[in-house]
N, C-alpha and C. Protein backbone atom coordinates (compact mmCIF):
# COMPACT_ATOMS: atom_id res chain seq x y z
N UNK A 1 127.90 -52.55 53.19
CA UNK A 1 127.15 -51.94 53.09
C UNK A 1 127.47 -50.17 53.67
N UNK A 2 126.99 -49.03 52.14
CA UNK A 2 127.59 -47.60 52.59
C UNK A 2 126.71 -47.32 52.68
N UNK A 3 126.55 -45.98 53.92
CA UNK A 3 125.43 -45.26 54.35
C UNK A 3 126.15 -43.59 53.25
N UNK A 4 125.19 -43.03 53.11
CA UNK A 4 125.26 -41.85 52.01
C UNK A 4 126.55 -40.84 52.99
N UNK A 5 126.50 -40.62 52.10
CA UNK A 5 128.09 -39.41 52.96
C UNK A 5 127.44 -38.48 53.85
N UNK A 6 126.40 -38.17 53.56
CA UNK A 6 125.89 -36.79 54.51
C UNK A 6 125.01 -36.73 55.83
N UNK A 7 125.12 -38.28 55.88
CA UNK A 7 124.65 -39.08 57.04
C UNK A 7 125.97 -39.34 57.90
N UNK A 8 126.80 -40.12 57.47
CA UNK A 8 128.08 -40.23 57.96
C UNK A 8 128.79 -38.48 58.06
N UNK A 9 128.55 -37.74 57.53
CA UNK A 9 129.09 -36.40 57.86
C UNK A 9 128.23 -36.20 58.59
N UNK A 10 126.61 -35.65 59.12
CA UNK A 10 125.82 -35.45 60.20
C UNK A 10 126.00 -35.66 61.28
N UNK A 11 126.35 -37.71 61.59
CA UNK A 11 125.87 -38.06 62.54
C UNK A 11 127.25 -37.72 63.53
N UNK A 12 128.50 -37.74 62.54
CA UNK A 12 129.52 -37.56 62.70
C UNK A 12 129.83 -35.94 62.73
N UNK A 13 129.45 -34.96 62.60
CA UNK A 13 129.37 -33.33 63.32
C UNK A 13 128.72 -33.50 64.64
N UNK A 14 127.44 -33.76 64.46
CA UNK A 14 126.92 -33.93 66.17
C UNK A 14 127.89 -34.56 67.27
N UNK A 15 128.56 -35.53 67.02
CA UNK A 15 129.63 -36.35 67.86
C UNK A 15 130.65 -35.49 67.60
N UNK A 16 130.95 -34.45 67.23
CA UNK A 16 131.57 -34.14 67.33
C UNK A 16 131.12 -32.19 68.04
N UNK A 17 129.67 -32.10 68.12
CA UNK A 17 129.84 -30.77 68.93
C UNK A 17 129.39 -31.00 70.00
N UNK A 18 129.29 -32.60 70.55
CA UNK A 18 129.23 -32.96 71.77
C UNK A 18 130.54 -33.35 72.58
N UNK A 19 131.57 -33.77 71.52
CA UNK A 19 132.89 -34.10 72.34
C UNK A 19 133.56 -32.18 72.79
N UNK A 20 132.99 -31.64 71.73
CA UNK A 20 133.53 -29.79 71.62
C UNK A 20 133.27 -29.63 73.16
N UNK A 21 131.90 -29.59 73.68
CA UNK A 21 131.81 -29.14 74.69
C UNK A 21 132.47 -29.62 75.38
N UNK A 22 132.71 -30.52 76.10
CA UNK A 22 133.88 -31.92 77.02
C UNK A 22 135.35 -31.22 77.08
N UNK A 23 135.68 -30.23 75.51
CA UNK A 23 137.19 -30.19 75.40
C UNK A 23 136.85 -28.30 75.85
N UNK A 24 136.16 -27.69 75.08
CA UNK A 24 136.72 -26.39 75.44
C UNK A 24 136.10 -26.24 77.56
N UNK A 25 135.57 -26.86 78.08
CA UNK A 25 135.75 -27.13 79.34
C UNK A 25 137.16 -27.08 80.00
N UNK A 26 138.24 -28.31 79.13
CA UNK A 26 138.70 -28.87 79.98
C UNK A 26 140.25 -27.43 78.88
N UNK A 27 140.00 -27.31 77.62
CA UNK A 27 140.58 -26.16 77.16
C UNK A 27 140.08 -25.04 76.34
N UNK A 28 139.69 -23.95 77.44
CA UNK A 28 139.45 -23.04 76.91
C UNK A 28 140.33 -22.18 76.16
N UNK A 29 139.65 -21.02 75.32
CA UNK A 29 140.26 -20.44 74.31
C UNK A 29 140.76 -19.14 74.79
N UNK A 30 141.64 -18.85 74.34
CA UNK A 30 142.33 -17.05 74.60
C UNK A 30 141.68 -16.21 74.66
N UNK A 31 140.30 -16.13 73.34
CA UNK A 31 139.90 -15.44 73.16
C UNK A 31 138.18 -15.36 73.52
N UNK A 32 137.89 -16.49 74.31
CA UNK A 32 136.03 -16.07 75.01
C UNK A 32 136.00 -17.97 74.07
N UNK A 33 134.79 -17.91 74.41
CA UNK A 33 133.98 -19.36 74.53
C UNK A 33 133.85 -19.12 72.91
N UNK A 34 133.50 -18.29 72.60
CA UNK A 34 132.97 -18.42 70.86
C UNK A 34 134.16 -19.56 70.13
N UNK A 35 135.36 -19.02 69.99
CA UNK A 35 136.41 -19.31 69.59
C UNK A 35 137.37 -20.14 69.69
N UNK A 36 137.07 -20.66 70.91
CA UNK A 36 137.48 -21.49 72.16
C UNK A 36 136.58 -22.89 71.62
N UNK A 37 135.77 -22.80 71.41
CA UNK A 37 134.94 -23.59 71.01
C UNK A 37 134.31 -24.50 69.75
N UNK A 38 135.21 -23.56 68.86
CA UNK A 38 135.41 -23.96 67.19
C UNK A 38 136.92 -24.72 67.37
N UNK A 39 137.24 -24.06 68.48
CA UNK A 39 138.95 -24.87 67.84
C UNK A 39 138.73 -26.35 68.83
N UNK A 40 137.78 -26.36 69.85
CA UNK A 40 137.98 -27.62 70.51
C UNK A 40 136.60 -28.28 69.19
N UNK A 41 135.82 -27.64 68.96
CA UNK A 41 135.11 -28.51 67.41
C UNK A 41 135.99 -29.26 66.93
N UNK A 42 137.05 -28.44 65.94
CA UNK A 42 137.85 -28.51 65.09
C UNK A 42 139.00 -29.73 65.55
N UNK A 43 139.19 -30.11 66.69
CA UNK A 43 140.24 -31.10 66.93
C UNK A 43 138.99 -32.52 67.52
N UNK A 44 137.15 -32.07 68.20
CA UNK A 44 136.68 -33.39 68.44
C UNK A 44 136.16 -33.87 66.84
N UNK A 45 136.28 -33.25 65.69
CA UNK A 45 135.66 -33.50 64.38
C UNK A 45 136.63 -34.32 63.65
N UNK A 46 137.94 -34.19 63.90
CA UNK A 46 139.17 -35.10 64.34
C UNK A 46 139.09 -35.94 64.38
N UNK A 47 138.56 -36.01 65.65
CA UNK A 47 138.29 -37.99 66.06
C UNK A 47 136.45 -38.68 65.42
N UNK A 48 135.67 -37.63 65.33
CA UNK A 48 134.60 -38.23 64.88
C UNK A 48 134.52 -39.12 63.40
N UNK A 49 135.22 -37.48 63.16
CA UNK A 49 135.18 -37.89 61.16
C UNK A 49 136.67 -38.74 60.39
N UNK A 50 137.20 -39.21 61.11
CA UNK A 50 138.21 -39.74 60.82
C UNK A 50 138.50 -40.99 61.55
N UNK A 51 137.60 -40.54 62.69
CA UNK A 51 137.75 -42.35 63.66
C UNK A 51 136.67 -43.00 63.00
N UNK A 52 135.93 -42.99 62.13
CA UNK A 52 134.82 -43.20 60.95
C UNK A 52 135.40 -44.27 60.42
N UNK A 53 136.08 -43.38 59.56
CA UNK A 53 136.73 -44.23 58.55
C UNK A 53 137.54 -44.92 59.12
N UNK A 54 139.07 -44.76 60.03
CA UNK A 54 139.56 -45.80 60.82
C UNK A 54 138.69 -47.03 60.70
N UNK A 55 137.56 -46.87 61.05
CA UNK A 55 136.58 -48.05 62.15
C UNK A 55 136.27 -49.07 60.81
N UNK A 56 136.12 -47.38 59.19
CA UNK A 56 135.30 -48.43 58.19
C UNK A 56 136.76 -49.02 57.72
N UNK A 57 137.63 -48.77 57.53
CA UNK A 57 138.91 -49.60 57.31
C UNK A 57 139.08 -50.69 58.41
N UNK A 58 139.31 -51.19 59.19
CA UNK A 58 138.59 -52.07 60.01
C UNK A 58 137.35 -53.02 60.10
N UNK A 59 137.06 -52.78 59.18
CA UNK A 59 135.85 -53.38 58.97
C UNK A 59 135.97 -54.32 57.68
N UNK A 60 136.72 -53.31 57.25
CA UNK A 60 137.52 -54.51 55.94
C UNK A 60 138.18 -56.01 56.38
N UNK A 61 138.59 -55.69 57.58
CA UNK A 61 139.48 -56.96 57.68
C UNK A 61 138.83 -57.76 57.96
N UNK A 62 139.21 -59.14 57.29
CA UNK A 62 138.58 -60.30 57.67
C UNK A 62 138.85 -60.79 58.61
N UNK A 63 138.04 -61.70 59.15
CA UNK A 63 137.98 -61.95 60.97
C UNK A 63 138.17 -61.07 62.10
N UNK A 64 137.92 -59.54 61.76
CA UNK A 64 138.21 -58.25 62.64
C UNK A 64 137.45 -58.78 64.31
N UNK A 65 135.95 -59.12 63.99
CA UNK A 65 134.94 -60.06 65.12
C UNK A 65 134.87 -60.96 66.04
N UNK A 66 136.25 -61.90 64.95
CA UNK A 66 136.20 -62.98 66.18
C UNK A 66 137.79 -63.15 66.94
N UNK A 67 138.16 -64.02 67.62
CA UNK A 67 139.22 -63.93 68.03
C UNK A 67 140.04 -63.10 68.06
N UNK A 68 141.07 -63.43 68.09
CA UNK A 68 141.72 -62.38 68.57
C UNK A 68 141.70 -61.27 66.93
N UNK A 69 141.01 -60.70 66.06
CA UNK A 69 140.83 -59.47 65.12
C UNK A 69 139.70 -58.51 66.46
N UNK A 70 139.21 -58.60 67.00
CA UNK A 70 138.80 -58.02 68.16
C UNK A 70 139.55 -57.15 68.55
N UNK A 71 140.87 -57.89 69.32
CA UNK A 71 142.01 -57.02 70.07
C UNK A 71 142.62 -56.62 68.65
N UNK A 72 142.81 -56.66 67.48
CA UNK A 72 143.60 -55.47 66.56
C UNK A 72 142.52 -54.81 66.02
N UNK A 73 140.65 -54.50 66.28
CA UNK A 73 140.56 -53.28 66.41
C UNK A 73 140.69 -52.49 67.04
N UNK A 74 141.15 -52.85 68.58
CA UNK A 74 141.06 -52.03 69.90
C UNK A 74 142.61 -51.17 69.40
N UNK A 75 143.50 -52.15 68.59
CA UNK A 75 144.91 -51.68 68.15
C UNK A 75 145.00 -50.89 67.29
N UNK A 76 144.09 -50.90 66.14
CA UNK A 76 143.91 -49.91 65.37
C UNK A 76 142.92 -48.99 65.57
N UNK A 77 141.60 -49.15 66.58
CA UNK A 77 141.27 -47.54 67.05
C UNK A 77 142.14 -46.30 67.82
N UNK A 78 143.36 -47.45 68.34
CA UNK A 78 144.11 -46.65 69.08
C UNK A 78 145.12 -45.82 67.68
N UNK A 79 145.95 -47.07 66.81
CA UNK A 79 146.79 -46.20 66.16
C UNK A 79 146.27 -45.20 64.97
N UNK A 80 144.78 -45.02 64.89
CA UNK A 80 143.62 -43.90 64.44
C UNK A 80 143.86 -43.55 64.67
N UNK A 81 143.75 -43.16 66.60
CA UNK A 81 143.21 -41.97 67.09
C UNK A 81 144.38 -41.62 67.72
N UNK A 82 145.60 -41.73 67.26
CA UNK A 82 147.20 -41.28 67.23
C UNK A 82 147.12 -39.98 65.83
N UNK A 83 147.04 -40.88 64.31
CA UNK A 83 146.74 -40.32 63.91
C UNK A 83 145.42 -38.94 63.60
N UNK A 84 144.47 -38.89 64.16
CA UNK A 84 143.41 -38.54 64.02
C UNK A 84 143.72 -37.01 64.96
N UNK A 85 144.52 -37.18 66.41
CA UNK A 85 145.53 -36.26 67.82
C UNK A 85 146.11 -35.53 66.56
N UNK A 86 147.04 -36.00 66.19
CA UNK A 86 147.71 -35.39 64.45
C UNK A 86 147.13 -34.86 63.69
N UNK A 87 146.35 -34.71 63.46
CA UNK A 87 145.51 -33.73 62.54
C UNK A 87 145.03 -32.84 63.31
N UNK A 88 144.45 -33.04 63.93
CA UNK A 88 143.47 -31.96 65.28
C UNK A 88 144.65 -31.06 65.79
N UNK A 89 146.29 -31.91 65.96
CA UNK A 89 147.08 -31.10 66.89
C UNK A 89 147.58 -29.90 65.44
N UNK A 90 147.70 -30.47 64.43
CA UNK A 90 148.28 -29.48 63.36
C UNK A 90 148.09 -28.02 62.98
N UNK A 91 145.92 -28.72 63.29
CA UNK A 91 145.26 -27.77 62.90
C UNK A 91 144.96 -26.24 63.36
N UNK A 92 145.72 -26.99 65.34
CA UNK A 92 145.33 -26.16 66.33
C UNK A 92 146.56 -24.76 66.40
N UNK A 93 147.61 -25.76 65.53
CA UNK A 93 148.66 -24.42 65.16
C UNK A 93 148.57 -23.76 64.29
N UNK A 94 147.81 -24.41 63.46
CA UNK A 94 146.90 -23.11 62.29
C UNK A 94 146.02 -22.27 62.70
N UNK A 95 145.52 -22.91 64.07
CA UNK A 95 144.52 -21.35 64.32
C UNK A 95 145.22 -20.30 65.34
N UNK A 96 146.57 -20.32 65.46
CA UNK A 96 147.87 -19.78 65.80
C UNK A 96 147.48 -20.73 67.55
N UNK A 97 147.05 -21.55 68.53
CA UNK A 97 147.04 -22.24 69.47
C UNK A 97 148.49 -22.64 69.94
N UNK A 98 148.36 -22.96 70.98
CA UNK A 98 149.43 -23.30 71.71
C UNK A 98 149.03 -24.51 72.05
N UNK A 99 149.98 -26.07 71.64
CA UNK A 99 149.36 -27.46 71.48
C UNK A 99 150.21 -28.05 72.78
N UNK A 100 151.18 -27.36 73.63
CA UNK A 100 151.89 -27.37 74.50
C UNK A 100 150.37 -27.73 75.77
N UNK A 101 149.67 -27.00 75.89
CA UNK A 101 148.35 -27.15 76.33
C UNK A 101 147.42 -28.71 76.36
N UNK A 102 147.95 -28.93 75.32
CA UNK A 102 147.29 -30.43 74.92
C UNK A 102 147.55 -31.51 75.89
N UNK A 103 147.06 -33.19 75.91
CA UNK A 103 148.17 -33.40 76.45
C UNK A 103 148.85 -34.57 75.63
N UNK A 104 149.88 -34.94 75.60
CA UNK A 104 150.35 -36.17 75.17
C UNK A 104 149.76 -36.56 74.01
N UNK A 105 151.03 -37.40 72.98
CA UNK A 105 149.88 -37.62 71.83
C UNK A 105 149.97 -38.88 71.78
N UNK A 106 150.27 -39.67 73.38
CA UNK A 106 148.93 -40.85 73.53
C UNK A 106 147.79 -40.73 73.34
N UNK A 107 147.51 -39.86 73.94
CA UNK A 107 146.33 -39.46 74.19
C UNK A 107 145.16 -39.66 73.54
N UNK A 108 145.42 -40.02 72.36
CA UNK A 108 144.87 -39.48 70.67
C UNK A 108 144.46 -41.06 70.86
N UNK A 109 145.19 -41.49 71.23
CA UNK A 109 144.33 -43.22 70.69
C UNK A 109 143.89 -43.43 71.87
N UNK A 110 144.25 -43.06 72.49
CA UNK A 110 143.45 -43.80 73.96
C UNK A 110 142.02 -43.07 74.18
N UNK A 111 142.07 -41.76 73.72
CA UNK A 111 140.97 -40.92 73.64
C UNK A 111 139.57 -41.71 72.62
N UNK A 112 140.54 -42.02 71.10
CA UNK A 112 139.68 -43.03 70.29
C UNK A 112 139.50 -44.20 70.50
N UNK A 113 140.04 -45.18 71.85
CA UNK A 113 139.18 -45.74 71.78
C UNK A 113 137.70 -45.65 72.90
N UNK A 114 138.36 -45.29 74.05
CA UNK A 114 137.43 -45.06 74.86
C UNK A 114 136.00 -44.15 73.74
N UNK A 115 135.78 -43.31 72.87
CA UNK A 115 135.37 -42.79 72.10
C UNK A 115 134.40 -43.94 71.18
N UNK A 116 135.10 -45.12 70.78
CA UNK A 116 134.59 -46.47 69.26
C UNK A 116 134.15 -46.55 71.14
N UNK A 117 134.28 -47.10 72.06
CA UNK A 117 133.99 -48.10 72.21
C UNK A 117 132.48 -47.42 73.49
N UNK A 118 132.61 -46.18 73.77
CA UNK A 118 131.63 -45.09 73.66
C UNK A 118 130.29 -45.47 72.50
N UNK A 119 130.65 -45.06 71.32
CA UNK A 119 129.82 -45.47 70.64
C UNK A 119 129.06 -46.30 70.12
N UNK A 120 129.89 -47.91 70.15
CA UNK A 120 129.02 -48.63 70.20
C UNK A 120 128.56 -49.65 71.56
N UNK A 121 128.74 -48.67 72.64
CA UNK A 121 127.39 -49.18 73.69
C UNK A 121 126.16 -48.86 73.31
N UNK A 122 125.99 -47.26 72.78
CA UNK A 122 125.45 -46.70 72.23
C UNK A 122 124.02 -47.21 71.28
N UNK A 123 125.11 -48.09 70.54
CA UNK A 123 125.09 -48.82 69.28
C UNK A 123 124.24 -50.14 70.01
N UNK A 124 124.99 -51.20 71.56
CA UNK A 124 124.05 -52.28 71.83
C UNK A 124 123.14 -52.22 72.49
N UNK A 125 122.67 -50.33 72.34
CA UNK A 125 121.41 -50.02 73.64
C UNK A 125 120.50 -50.41 72.73
N UNK A 126 120.79 -49.76 71.64
CA UNK A 126 120.14 -49.29 70.15
C UNK A 126 119.31 -50.76 69.65
N UNK A 127 120.20 -51.77 69.84
CA UNK A 127 119.94 -52.77 69.54
C UNK A 127 120.44 -53.52 68.36
N UNK A 128 121.16 -52.47 67.92
CA UNK A 128 122.22 -52.44 66.37
C UNK A 128 123.00 -53.13 66.92
N UNK A 129 124.08 -53.57 65.79
CA UNK A 129 125.65 -54.86 65.34
C UNK A 129 126.08 -53.52 66.42
N UNK A 130 127.29 -54.15 66.94
CA UNK A 130 128.29 -53.20 67.49
C UNK A 130 129.72 -54.60 68.19
N UNK A 131 130.46 -53.93 68.54
CA UNK A 131 131.77 -54.58 69.15
C UNK A 131 131.64 -55.63 70.25
N UNK A 132 130.38 -54.84 70.73
CA UNK A 132 130.30 -56.16 72.02
C UNK A 132 129.37 -57.26 71.73
N UNK A 133 128.82 -57.35 70.70
CA UNK A 133 128.57 -58.93 70.37
C UNK A 133 128.81 -58.97 69.29
N UNK A 134 130.04 -58.83 69.22
CA UNK A 134 130.69 -59.30 67.58
C UNK A 134 130.53 -59.45 66.35
N UNK A 135 129.55 -58.15 66.40
CA UNK A 135 129.31 -57.62 65.04
C UNK A 135 129.14 -55.90 65.09
N UNK A 136 130.04 -56.03 64.37
CA UNK A 136 130.62 -54.69 64.48
C UNK A 136 130.65 -53.68 63.04
N UNK A 137 129.53 -53.95 62.17
CA UNK A 137 129.10 -53.61 60.38
C UNK A 137 128.62 -52.57 61.04
N UNK A 138 128.20 -51.73 62.23
CA UNK A 138 127.67 -50.60 62.12
C UNK A 138 128.52 -49.83 61.81
């Protein structure tokens, strides 16, 4: 079941806006809060938007919700997080920011795994299909 693109975009923009608040507090911009927030939002959006498509791709794999498939899913989130972080870091360079202030690349994978687990926990609380119940087709 595919959802409309605008719904995907709206939901992931909202997630990115929340993540950006946390990121801008940790990595403030040199030109004030506004530009720092934009930079942080860009990084958060890479994880929220592209991470969604990592999840969609993983859900297309047969047996991803049973047995070792759940471990494959977590490893897939980690690998996808690395790529989300590469794109985000590249955009920071284009914005003129110094990427040396960001954590190492491996933390991109860790961040996407944590983000996906958190989002699936919210789905569980809402009674919707989620990773924890073995039905991740949300």
